[in-house]
C-alpha atoms as a PDB file:
ATOM      1  CA  UNK A   1     -89.635  53.548   0.739  1.00  0.00           C
ATOM      2  CA  UNK A   2     -88.553  52.403  -3.097  1.00  0.00           C
ATOM      3  CA  UNK A   3     -85.045  53.512  -2.492  1.00  0.00           C
ATOM      4  CA  UNK A   4     -85.205  51.937   1.056  1.00  0.00           C
ATOM      5  CA  UNK A   5     -86.275  48.441  -0.908  1.00  0.00           C
ATOM      6  CA  UNK A   6     -83.622  48.652  -3.385  1.00  0.00           C
ATOM      7  CA  UNK A   7     -80.977  49.601  -0.867  1.00  0.00           C
ATOM      8  CA  UNK A   8     -82.535  46.143   1.272  1.00  0.00           C
ATOM      9  CA  UNK A   9     -82.195  44.025  -2.099  1.00  0.00           C
ATOM     10  CA  UNK A  10     -78.550  45.226  -2.830  1.00  0.00           C
ATOM     11  CA  UNK A  11     -77.314  44.142   0.457  1.00  0.00           C
ATOM     12  CA  UNK A  12     -78.701  41.025   0.318  1.00  0.00           C
ATOM     13  CA  UNK A  13     -77.671  40.183  -2.639  1.00  0.00           C
ATOM     14  CA  UNK A  14     -73.561  41.349  -1.650  1.00  0.00           C
ATOM     15  CA  UNK A  15     -74.899  38.474   1.422  1.00  0.00           C
ATOM     16  CA  UNK A  16     -75.635  35.756  -0.795  1.00  0.00           C
ATOM     17  CA  UNK A  17     -72.421  36.597  -3.115  1.00  0.00           C
ATOM     18  CA  UNK A  18     -70.369  36.721  -0.054  1.00  0.00           C
ATOM     19  CA  UNK A  19     -71.163  33.137   1.215  1.00  0.00           C
ATOM     20  CA  UNK A  20     -71.010  31.669  -1.731  1.00  0.00           C
ATOM     21  CA  UNK A  21     -67.523  32.680  -2.645  1.00  0.00           C
ATOM     22  CA  UNK A  22     -66.936  31.284   1.051  1.00  0.00           C
ATOM     23  CA  UNK A  23     -68.373  27.739   0.269  1.00  0.00           C
ATOM     24  CA  UNK A  24     -66.057  27.656  -3.012  1.00  0.00           C
ATOM     25  CA  UNK A  25     -63.075  28.494  -0.780  1.00  0.00           C
ATOM     26  CA  UNK A  26     -64.191  25.813   1.742  1.00  0.00           C
ATOM     27  CA  UNK A  27     -64.515  23.502  -1.608  1.00  0.00           C
ATOM     28  CA  UNK A  28     -61.156  24.378  -2.564  1.00  0.00           C
ATOM     29  CA  UNK A  29     -59.949  23.844   0.788  1.00  0.00           C
ATOM     30  CA  UNK A  30     -61.027  20.271   0.964  1.00  0.00           C
ATOM     31  CA  UNK A  31     -59.069  19.594  -2.441  1.00  0.00           C
ATOM     32  CA  UNK A  32     -56.628  17.233  -1.539  1.00  0.00           C
ATOM     33  CA  UNK A  33     -53.529  17.731  -2.739  1.00  0.00           C
ATOM     34  CA  UNK A  34     -51.773  14.701  -5.492  1.00  0.00           C
ATOM     35  CA  UNK A  35     -48.104  14.741  -5.485  1.00  0.00           C
ATOM     36  CA  UNK A  36     -46.365  13.472  -8.312  1.00  0.00           C
ATOM     37  CA  UNK A  37     -43.478  10.878  -8.088  1.00  0.00           C
ATOM     38  CA  UNK A  38     -41.515   8.137  -9.298  1.00  0.00           C
ATOM     39  CA  UNK A  39     -41.468   4.299  -8.276  1.00  0.00           C
ATOM     40  CA  UNK A  40     -38.973   1.199  -8.777  1.00  0.00           C
ATOM     41  CA  UNK A  41     -40.581  -2.258  -8.463  1.00  0.00           C
ATOM     42  CA  UNK A  42     -39.336  -3.906  -4.843  1.00  0.00           C
ATOM     43  CA  UNK A  43     -37.557  -7.165  -5.895  1.00  0.00           C
ATOM     44  CA  UNK A  44     -36.149  -9.970  -3.985  1.00  0.00           C
ATOM     45  CA  UNK A  45     -32.846 -11.792  -3.996  1.00  0.00           C
ATOM     46  CA  UNK A  46     -29.133 -11.691  -2.793  1.00  0.00           C
ATOM     47  CA  UNK A  47     -27.791  -8.580  -2.410  1.00  0.00           C
ATOM     48  CA  UNK A  48     -23.654  -8.471  -3.117  1.00  0.00           C
ATOM     49  CA  UNK A  49     -21.760  -6.233  -0.544  1.00  0.00           C
ATOM     50  CA  UNK A  50     -18.779  -4.853  -2.524  1.00  0.00           C
ATOM     51  CA  UNK A  51     -15.172  -3.530  -0.567  1.00  0.00           C
ATOM     52  CA  UNK A  52     -13.964  -0.499  -3.336  1.00  0.00           C
ATOM     53  CA  UNK A  53     -10.248  -1.249  -3.237  1.00  0.00           C
ATOM     54  CA  UNK A  54      -7.949   1.923  -4.406  1.00  0.00           C
ATOM     55  CA  UNK A  55      -4.534   1.191  -6.461  1.00  0.00           C
ATOM     56  CA  UNK A  56      -2.331   2.440  -9.112  1.00  0.00           C
ATOM     57  CA  UNK A  57      -1.284   1.302 -12.815  1.00  0.00           C
ATOM     58  CA  UNK A  58       2.654  -0.139 -13.651  1.00  0.00           C
ATOM     59  CA  UNK A  59       3.601  -1.752 -16.605  1.00  0.00           C
ATOM     60  CA  UNK A  60       3.238  -5.594 -15.988  1.00  0.00           C
ATOM     61  CA  UNK A  61       7.229  -5.336 -16.483  1.00  0.00           C
ATOM     62  CA  UNK A  62      10.575  -3.058 -16.329  1.00  0.00           C
ATOM     63  CA  UNK A  63      13.473  -4.146 -17.677  1.00  0.00           C
ATOM     64  CA  UNK A  64      16.653  -2.072 -17.268  1.00  0.00           C
ATOM     65  CA  UNK A  65      18.122  -0.956 -20.410  1.00  0.00           C
ATOM     66  CA  UNK A  66      22.418  -1.434 -18.972  1.00  0.00           C
ATOM     67  CA  UNK A  67      25.847  -0.263 -19.490  1.00  0.00           C
ATOM     68  CA  UNK A  68      29.218  -2.479 -19.565  1.00  0.00           C
ATOM     69  CA  UNK A  69      31.169   1.043 -18.838  1.00  0.00           C
ATOM     70  CA  UNK A  70      30.908   4.143 -19.168  1.00  0.00           C
ATOM     71  CA  UNK A  71      31.389   6.807 -21.981  1.00  0.00           C
ATOM     72  CA  UNK A  72      29.914   8.530 -25.027  1.00  0.00           C
ATOM     73  CA  UNK A  73      26.854   8.386 -26.101  1.00  0.00           C
ATOM     74  CA  UNK A  74      27.582   8.584 -29.460  1.00  0.00           C
ATOM     75  CA  UNK A  75      24.651   7.100 -31.654  1.00  0.00           C
ATOM     76  CA  UNK A  76      20.954   6.995 -29.853  1.00  0.00           C
ATOM     77  CA  UNK A  77      18.382   4.874 -31.947  1.00  0.00           C
ATOM     78  CA  UNK A  78      15.452   5.233 -30.237  1.00  0.00           C
ATOM     79  CA  UNK A  79      13.311   7.598 -28.148  1.00  0.00           C
ATOM     80  CA  UNK A  80      10.869   7.448 -25.440  1.00  0.00           C
ATOM     81  CA  UNK A  81       7.612   5.758 -26.413  1.00  0.00           C
ATOM     82  CA  UNK A  82       9.066   3.944 -29.223  1.00  0.00           C
ATOM     83  CA  UNK A  83       8.393  -0.062 -29.685  1.00  0.00           C
ATOM     84  CA  UNK A  84      11.437  -1.788 -29.637  1.00  0.00           C
ATOM     85  CA  UNK A  85      11.939  -5.842 -30.541  1.00  0.00           C
ATOM     86  CA  UNK A  86      14.617  -7.986 -29.078  1.00  0.00           C
ATOM     87  CA  UNK A  87      18.572  -7.233 -30.155  1.00  0.00           C
ATOM     88  CA  UNK A  88      17.129  -4.017 -32.239  1.00  0.00           C
ATOM     89  CA  UNK A  89      20.202  -1.722 -31.491  1.00  0.00           C
ATOM     90  CA  UNK A  90      19.563   1.152 -28.995  1.00  0.00           C
ATOM     91  CA  UNK A  91      22.449   3.086 -28.370  1.00  0.00           C
ATOM     92  CA  UNK A  92      26.289   3.523 -29.237  1.00  0.00           C
ATOM     93  CA  UNK A  93      28.922   4.420 -26.405  1.00  0.00           C
ATOM     94  CA  UNK A  94      32.643   5.358 -27.169  1.00  0.00           C
ATOM     95  CA  UNK A  95      34.002   3.857 -23.920  1.00  0.00           C
ATOM     96  CA  UNK A  96      38.137   3.370 -22.993  1.00  0.00           C
ATOM     97  CA  UNK A  97      37.790   0.009 -23.887  1.00  0.00           C
ATOM     98  CA  UNK A  98      36.227   0.843 -27.397  1.00  0.00           C
ATOM     99  CA  UNK A  99      32.698   1.195 -28.915  1.00  0.00           C
ATOM    100  CA  UNK A 100      29.878  -0.559 -27.113  1.00  0.00           C
ATOM    101  CA  UNK A 101      26.445  -1.300 -29.067  1.00  0.00           C
ATOM    102  CA  UNK A 102      23.566  -1.858 -26.734  1.00  0.00           C
ATOM    103  CA  UNK A 103      20.748  -3.881 -27.761  1.00  0.00           C
ATOM    104  CA  UNK A 104      17.273  -4.577 -26.542  1.00  0.00           C
ATOM    105  CA  UNK A 105      16.928  -7.499 -24.124  1.00  0.00           C
ATOM    106  CA  UNK A 106      13.258  -8.040 -25.035  1.00  0.00           C
ATOM    107  CA  UNK A 107      10.345  -6.578 -26.774  1.00  0.00           C
ATOM    108  CA  UNK A 108       8.607  -3.590 -25.622  1.00  0.00           C
ATOM    109  CA  UNK A 109       8.596   0.413 -25.175  1.00  0.00           C
ATOM    110  CA  UNK A 110      10.789   2.664 -24.242  1.00  0.00           C
ATOM    111  CA  UNK A 111      10.453   4.256 -20.880  1.00  0.00           C
ATOM    112  CA  UNK A 112      12.584   6.516 -18.903  1.00  0.00           C
ATOM    113  CA  UNK A 113      15.296   7.710 -21.345  1.00  0.00           C
ATOM    114  CA  UNK A 114      16.920  10.962 -20.432  1.00  0.00           C
ATOM    115  CA  UNK A 115      20.123  10.951 -22.307  1.00  0.00           C
ATOM    116  CA  UNK A 116      21.296  12.228 -25.883  1.00  0.00           C
ATOM    117  CA  UNK A 117      23.514  11.987 -28.118  1.00  0.00           C
ATOM    118  CA  UNK A 118      27.503  13.487 -27.074  1.00  0.00           C
ATOM    119  CA  UNK A 119      26.522  12.875 -23.283  1.00  0.00           C
ATOM    120  CA  UNK A 120      28.513  11.489 -20.941  1.00  0.00           C
ATOM    121  CA  UNK A 121      26.443   8.089 -19.435  1.00  0.00           C
ATOM    122  CA  UNK A 122      27.043   6.049 -16.685  1.00  0.00           C
ATOM    123  CA  UNK A 123      26.700   2.449 -15.863  1.00  0.00           C
ATOM    124  CA  UNK A 124      26.091   2.991 -12.374  1.00  0.00           C
ATOM    125  CA  UNK A 125      21.767   3.456 -13.961  1.00  0.00           C
ATOM    126  CA  UNK A 126      20.222   2.387 -16.682  1.00  0.00           C
ATOM    127  CA  UNK A 127      20.096   4.317 -19.563  1.00  0.00           C
ATOM    128  CA  UNK A 128      16.751   3.288 -20.023  1.00  0.00           C
ATOM    129  CA  UNK A 129      13.801   0.422 -19.224  1.00  0.00           C
ATOM    130  CA  UNK A 130      12.188  -1.135 -21.838  1.00  0.00           C
ATOM    131  CA  UNK A 131       8.366  -2.167 -20.398  1.00  0.00           C
ATOM    132  CA  UNK A 132       5.788  -3.969 -21.170  1.00  0.00           C
ATOM    133  CA  UNK A 133       2.279  -1.631 -21.637  1.00  0.00           C
ATOM    134  CA  UNK A 134       0.137  -4.473 -23.396  1.00  0.00           C
ATOM    135  CA  UNK A 135      -0.046  -5.591 -20.014  1.00  0.00           C
ATOM    136  CA  UNK A 136      -0.826  -3.273 -16.766  1.00  0.00           C
ATOM    137  CA  UNK A 137      -0.463  -4.340 -13.533  1.00  0.00           C
ATOM    138  CA  UNK A 138      -2.846  -3.208 -10.646  1.00  0.00           C
ATOM    139  CA  UNK A 139      -0.854  -2.607  -6.975  1.00  0.00           C
ATOM    140  CA  UNK A 140      -2.664  -2.504  -3.641  1.00  0.00           C
ATOM    141  CA  UNK A 141      -2.462  -2.686  -0.864  1.00  0.00           C
ATOM    142  CA  UNK A 142      -4.945  -4.560   1.796  1.00  0.00           C
ATOM    143  CA  UNK A 143      -5.906  -4.609   5.435  1.00  0.00           C
ATOM    144  CA  UNK A 144      -4.771  -8.362   7.070  1.00  0.00           C
ATOM    145  CA  UNK A 145      -8.303  -8.707   7.758  1.00  0.00           C
ATOM    146  CA  UNK A 146      -9.106  -8.529   3.765  1.00  0.00           C
ATOM    147  CA  UNK A 147      -6.543 -10.801   2.078  1.00  0.00           C
ATOM    148  CA  UNK A 148      -9.065 -14.010   2.735  1.00  0.00           C
ATOM    149  CA  UNK A 149     -11.065 -11.928  -0.109  1.00  0.00           C
ATOM    150  CA  UNK A 150      -8.496 -13.324  -2.782  1.00  0.00           C
ATOM    151  CA  UNK A 151      -7.518 -16.259  -4.037  1.00  0.00           C
ATOM    152  CA  UNK A 152      -4.852 -16.337  -6.920  1.00  0.00           C
ATOM    153  CA  UNK A 153      -6.766 -16.207 -10.374  1.00  0.00           C
ATOM    154  CA  UNK A 154      -9.401 -14.418  -8.863  1.00  0.00           C
ATOM    155  CA  UNK A 155     -11.131 -12.298 -11.359  1.00  0.00           C
ATOM    156  CA  UNK A 156     -12.738  -8.798 -10.038  1.00  0.00           C
ATOM    157  CA  UNK A 157     -13.652  -5.428 -12.053  1.00  0.00           C
ATOM    158  CA  UNK A 158     -11.727  -2.680 -11.854  1.00  0.00           C
ATOM    159  CA  UNK A 159     -12.397   0.905 -12.992  1.00  0.00           C
ATOM    160  CA  UNK A 160      -9.721   2.657 -14.343  1.00  0.00           C
ATOM    161  CA  UNK A 161     -11.084   6.808 -15.967  1.00  0.00           C
ATOM    162  CA  UNK A 162     -14.323   5.045 -16.433  1.00  0.00           C
ATOM    163  CA  UNK A 163     -13.357   2.294 -18.379  1.00  0.00           C
ATOM    164  CA  UNK A 164     -14.099  -1.395 -16.771  1.00  0.00           C
ATOM    165  CA  UNK A 165     -11.592  -4.330 -16.703  1.00  0.00           C
ATOM    166  CA  UNK A 166     -11.276  -7.696 -16.272  1.00  0.00           C
ATOM    167  CA  UNK A 167      -8.459  -7.985 -13.461  1.00  0.00           C
ATOM    168  CA  UNK A 168      -6.740 -11.005 -12.690  1.00  0.00           C
ATOM    169  CA  UNK A 169      -5.004 -11.372  -8.981  1.00  0.00           C
ATOM    170  CA  UNK A 170      -1.630 -12.377  -9.641  1.00  0.00           C
ATOM    171  CA  UNK A 171       0.184 -11.824  -6.312  1.00  0.00           C
ATOM    172  CA  UNK A 172      -1.029 -12.004  -2.242  1.00  0.00           C
ATOM    173  CA  UNK A 173       1.375 -10.409   0.056  1.00  0.00           C
ATOM    174  CA  UNK A 174       2.285 -12.705   2.851  1.00  0.00           C
ATOM    175  CA  UNK A 175       4.529 -10.114   4.395  1.00  0.00           C
ATOM    176  CA  UNK A 176       3.141  -6.222   5.492  1.00  0.00           C
ATOM    177  CA  UNK A 177       4.844  -2.952   4.122  1.00  0.00           C
ATOM    178  CA  UNK A 178       6.221  -0.767   5.982  1.00  0.00           C
ATOM    179  CA  UNK A 179       2.693   0.690   6.506  1.00  0.00           C
ATOM    180  CA  UNK A 180       1.522  -2.383   7.649  1.00  0.00           C
ATOM    181  CA  UNK A 181      -0.503  -3.555   4.868  1.00  0.00           C
ATOM    182  CA  UNK A 182      -0.468  -6.056   2.614  1.00  0.00           C
ATOM    183  CA  UNK A 183       0.231  -5.791  -1.264  1.00  0.00           C
ATOM    184  CA  UNK A 184      -2.089  -7.414  -3.921  1.00  0.00           C
ATOM    185  CA  UNK A 185      -1.346  -7.184  -7.284  1.00  0.00           C
ATOM    186  CA  UNK A 186      -3.792  -7.951 -10.058  1.00  0.00           C
ATOM    187  CA  UNK A 187      -2.930  -7.967 -14.457  1.00  0.00           C
ATOM    188  CA  UNK A 188      -5.288  -6.056 -16.775  1.00  0.00           C
ATOM    189  CA  UNK A 189      -5.263  -6.244 -20.590  1.00  0.00           C
ATOM    190  CA  UNK A 190      -3.853  -3.261 -22.361  1.00  0.00           C
ATOM    191  CA  UNK A 191      -3.718  -3.692 -25.704  1.00  0.00           C
ATOM    192  CA  UNK A 192      -5.023  -0.490 -27.214  1.00  0.00           C
ATOM    193  CA  UNK A 193      -2.774   1.109 -24.414  1.00  0.00           C
ATOM    194  CA  UNK A 194      -5.722   3.929 -23.018  1.00  0.00           C
ATOM    195  CA  UNK A 195      -4.171   3.011 -19.315  1.00  0.00           C
ATOM    196  CA  UNK A 196      -1.132   5.111 -18.202  1.00  0.00           C
ATOM    197  CA  UNK A 197       1.271   3.971 -15.479  1.00  0.00           C
ATOM    198  CA  UNK A 198       0.511   5.807 -12.746  1.00  0.00           C
ATOM    199  CA  UNK A 199      -3.264   6.114 -13.004  1.00  0.00           C
ATOM    200  CA  UNK A 200      -6.209   5.708 -10.514  1.00  0.00           C
ATOM    201  CA  UNK A 201      -7.714   1.569 -10.846  1.00  0.00           C
ATOM    202  CA  UNK A 202     -11.072   1.350  -8.191  1.00  0.00           C
ATOM    203  CA  UNK A 203     -11.634  -2.323  -7.545  1.00  0.00           C
ATOM    204  CA  UNK A 204     -14.513  -4.356  -6.505  1.00  0.00           C
ATOM    205  CA  UNK A 205     -14.287  -6.914  -4.393  1.00  0.00           C
ATOM    206  CA  UNK A 206     -17.323  -9.007  -3.096  1.00  0.00           C
ATOM    207  CA  UNK A 207     -17.288  -8.704   0.576  1.00  0.00           C
ATOM    208  CA  UNK A 208     -20.571 -10.557   1.896  1.00  0.00           C
ATOM    209  CA  UNK A 209     -23.785 -10.952   0.856  1.00  0.00           C
ATOM    210  CA  UNK A 210     -26.853 -11.122   2.071  1.00  0.00           C
ATOM    211  CA  UNK A 211     -29.016 -14.200   0.992  1.00  0.00           C
ATOM    212  CA  UNK A 212     -32.884 -14.288  -0.346  1.00  0.00           C
ATOM    213  CA  UNK A 213     -33.790 -10.559   1.444  1.00  0.00           C
ATOM    214  CA  UNK A 214     -35.670  -7.935  -0.169  1.00  0.00           C
ATOM    215  CA  UNK A 215     -34.070  -5.608  -1.867  1.00  0.00           C
ATOM    216  CA  UNK A 216     -34.463  -1.555  -2.652  1.00  0.00           C
ATOM    217  CA  UNK A 217     -33.461   1.162  -4.077  1.00  0.00           C
ATOM    218  CA  UNK A 218     -31.100   2.855  -1.474  1.00  0.00           C
ATOM    219  CA  UNK A 219     -32.388   6.340  -2.637  1.00  0.00           C
ATOM    220  CA  UNK A 220     -36.039   5.317  -1.385  1.00  0.00           C
ATOM    221  CA  UNK A 221     -34.896   5.226   2.085  1.00  0.00           C
ATOM    222  CA  UNK A 222     -36.536   7.470   4.344  1.00  0.00           C
ATOM    223  CA  UNK A 223     -34.754   8.379   7.701  1.00  0.00           C
ATOM    224  CA  UNK A 224     -36.402  10.671  10.031  1.00  0.00           C
ATOM    225  CA  UNK A 225     -37.116  11.458  13.453  1.00  0.00           C
ATOM    226  CA  UNK A 226     -35.404   8.014  14.222  1.00  0.00           C
ATOM    227  CA  UNK A 227     -37.328   6.028  12.100  1.00  0.00           C
ATOM    228  CA  UNK A 228     -36.639   4.294   8.957  1.00  0.00           C
ATOM    229  CA  UNK A 229     -39.108   4.010   6.390  1.00  0.00           C
ATOM    230  CA  UNK A 230     -40.268   3.825   2.471  1.00  0.00           C
ATOM    231  CA  UNK A 231     -43.370   4.421   0.522  1.00  0.00           C
ATOM    232  CA  UNK A 232     -45.381   2.034  -1.324  1.00  0.00           C
ATOM    233  CA  UNK A 233     -47.679   2.814  -3.693  1.00  0.00           C
ATOM    234  CA  UNK A 234     -51.374   1.335  -2.980  1.00  0.00           C
ATOM    235  CA  UNK A 235     -54.300   2.390  -4.589  1.00  0.00           C
ATOM    236  CA  UNK A 236     -52.824   5.599  -5.799  1.00  0.00           C
ATOM    237  CA  UNK A 237     -52.042   6.369  -2.520  1.00  0.00           C
ATOM    238  CA  UNK A 238     -48.875   6.325  -0.668  1.00  0.00           C
ATOM    239  CA  UNK A 239     -48.474   4.097   2.176  1.00  0.00           C
ATOM    240  CA  UNK A 240     -45.755   4.343   4.977  1.00  0.00           C
ATOM    241  CA  UNK A 241     -43.837   1.623   5.555  1.00  0.00           C
ATOM    242  CA  UNK A 242     -41.302   1.282   8.440  1.00  0.00           C
ATOM    243  CA  UNK A 243     -38.438  -1.057   7.936  1.00  0.00           C
ATOM    244  CA  UNK A 244     -34.711  -1.800   9.134  1.00  0.00           C
ATOM    245  CA  UNK A 245     -31.816  -1.851   6.863  1.00  0.00           C
ATOM    246  CA  UNK A 246     -29.862  -5.329   6.814  1.00  0.00           C
ATOM    247  CA  UNK A 247     -27.236  -4.254   4.547  1.00  0.00           C
ATOM    248  CA  UNK A 248     -27.018  -0.668   2.590  1.00  0.00           C
ATOM    249  CA  UNK A 249     -24.599   0.095  -0.860  1.00  0.00           C
ATOM    250  CA  UNK A 250     -24.949   3.315  -2.978  1.00  0.00           C
ATOM    251  CA  UNK A 251     -27.453   2.054  -5.334  1.00  0.00           C
ATOM    252  CA  UNK A 252     -29.313  -0.890  -3.428  1.00  0.00           C
ATOM    253  CA  UNK A 253     -30.349  -1.878   0.295  1.00  0.00           C
ATOM    254  CA  UNK A 254     -31.366  -5.060   2.039  1.00  0.00           C
ATOM    255  CA  UNK A 255     -34.240  -4.112   4.352  1.00  0.00           C
ATOM    256  CA  UNK A 256     -36.758  -6.189   6.640  1.00  0.00           C
ATOM    257  CA  UNK A 257     -40.110  -4.694   7.088  1.00  0.00           C
ATOM    258  CA  UNK A 258     -43.725  -5.759   5.480  1.00  0.00           C
ATOM    259  CA  UNK A 259     -42.907  -4.942   2.124  1.00  0.00           C
ATOM    260  CA  UNK A 260     -43.724  -7.786  -0.821  1.00  0.00           C
ATOM    261  CA  UNK A 261     -41.851  -8.388  -3.817  1.00  0.00           C
ATOM    262  CA  UNK A 262     -43.526  -6.467  -7.140  1.00  0.00           C
ATOM    263  CA  UNK A 263     -44.566  -3.460  -4.975  1.00  0.00           C
ATOM    264  CA  UNK A 264     -43.844   0.095  -6.115  1.00  0.00           C
ATOM    265  CA  UNK A 265     -41.290   2.200  -4.111  1.00  0.00           C
ATOM    266  CA  UNK A 266     -41.261   5.280  -4.064  1.00  0.00           C
ATOM    267  CA  UNK A 267     -37.828   6.812  -5.460  1.00  0.00           C
ATOM    268  CA  UNK A 268     -38.274  10.557  -5.940  1.00  0.00           C
ATOM    269  CA  UNK A 269     -41.175  12.247  -4.697  1.00  0.00           C
ATOM    270  CA  UNK A 270     -41.178  10.808  -0.962  1.00  0.00           C
ATOM    271  CA  UNK A 271     -39.750  13.691   1.343  1.00  0.00           C
ATOM    272  CA  UNK A 272     -42.577  15.407   0.606  1.00  0.00           C
ATOM    273  CA  UNK A 273     -45.238  12.472   1.501  1.00  0.00           C
ATOM    274  CA  UNK A 274     -47.001  11.985   4.302  1.00  0.00           C
ATOM    275  CA  UNK A 275     -48.840   8.785   5.497  1.00  0.00           C
ATOM    276  CA  UNK A 276     -51.932   7.678   2.314  1.00  0.00           C
ATOM    277  CA  UNK A 277     -51.073  10.909   0.865  1.00  0.00           C
ATOM    278  CA  UNK A 278     -52.374  10.897  -2.682  1.00  0.00           C
ATOM    279  CA  UNK A 279     -50.009  10.191  -5.707  1.00  0.00           C
ATOM    280  CA  UNK A 280     -49.459  10.127  -9.365  1.00  0.00           C
ATOM    281  CA  UNK A 281     -46.914   8.221 -10.713  1.00  0.00           C
ATOM    282  CA  UNK A 282     -45.281   9.416 -13.445  1.00  0.00           C
ATOM    283  CA  UNK A 283     -42.643   7.743 -14.036  1.00  0.00           C
ATOM    284  CA  UNK A 284     -42.539   3.938 -13.119  1.00  0.00           C
ATOM    285  CA  UNK A 285     -39.223   1.846 -13.353  1.00  0.00           C
ATOM    286  CA  UNK A 286     -37.842  -1.632 -12.707  1.00  0.00           C
END
C-alpha cells in the first residue's frame, strides 16, 4: 500500500512539472520579438533631380610643332612630358636648304613626340605637339532635348577618378555629330596635373526640381506585392505607411503620403518588419 502511494505521488509530481513547463513555453511564445533597426529623420524641401553625363578629358589646347622642310633630325632638345616656354629651341633639322631650328610657338608640355636623333622626319605631319594641361577640356555629347540644360559659363560638378572639380561650360554645339548627338565642352583647372588626357569625367547636371516635398532616403522605400511603403517609428513600434513616389534619386526620394517632417523612418532592418512590429532603434541619423 505504501509503495502504491509513493508511486501515485511521483506520478502527480511529474504531471505538475510537465504542466509548469508547458505554461513556461506558452509564456515564451507570447513574448514579442524586438527588431533592431536604424533610422533617419524625414525632411521636407526641394529635391533636385540630376542627370549624369559621361565624357572624356583632353588638353584645353594643342599646338602642332611643324617643319618647313623634311630632313634629318640632328639635334633634339626635348622629350615627351617636358615643359617648354615660348621660343625655346626644340630641335634642329638638316635639310636640303640647310639647318632649320624648330622653336616652341607657345608655353606648354611636349607630347606625341615619336622621332629621335638621326631619324628622317617629314613636314607632312607634326614633329610633336605642345599641349596645355594646366586647363583640361571635358568633351560630352548630348541629345537635342538636353541642350536647354546648358548655358555658357554655367558651372557644374564633374567627378574624375573620384575627385570633384568645378566644370565651366565653354562651348555648346549647334550641329550634331555623325551619331546625331550635340557636342558640349567644359573646362576645369588642373594645376596639380592629376587629370590626364583620356580619363572618364562624370558631370552632374540638374534636370528638374521637385519643390516643397517630403524627402526620405531611397533605402527606406519598400516595394512588396504591388505596394510601396515605408516604416516610421511611433512609440517604439514600426508603423507601416503607404506612399507614392514623385521622383527618385540614388540617395534620396520625394514621396507623397501621411508622413510628417521630422519623423524617424527605418532605413535598415525594414525588410523583416510588419505593421506595428516592436523595434529597438540602434542608430538614429539626421
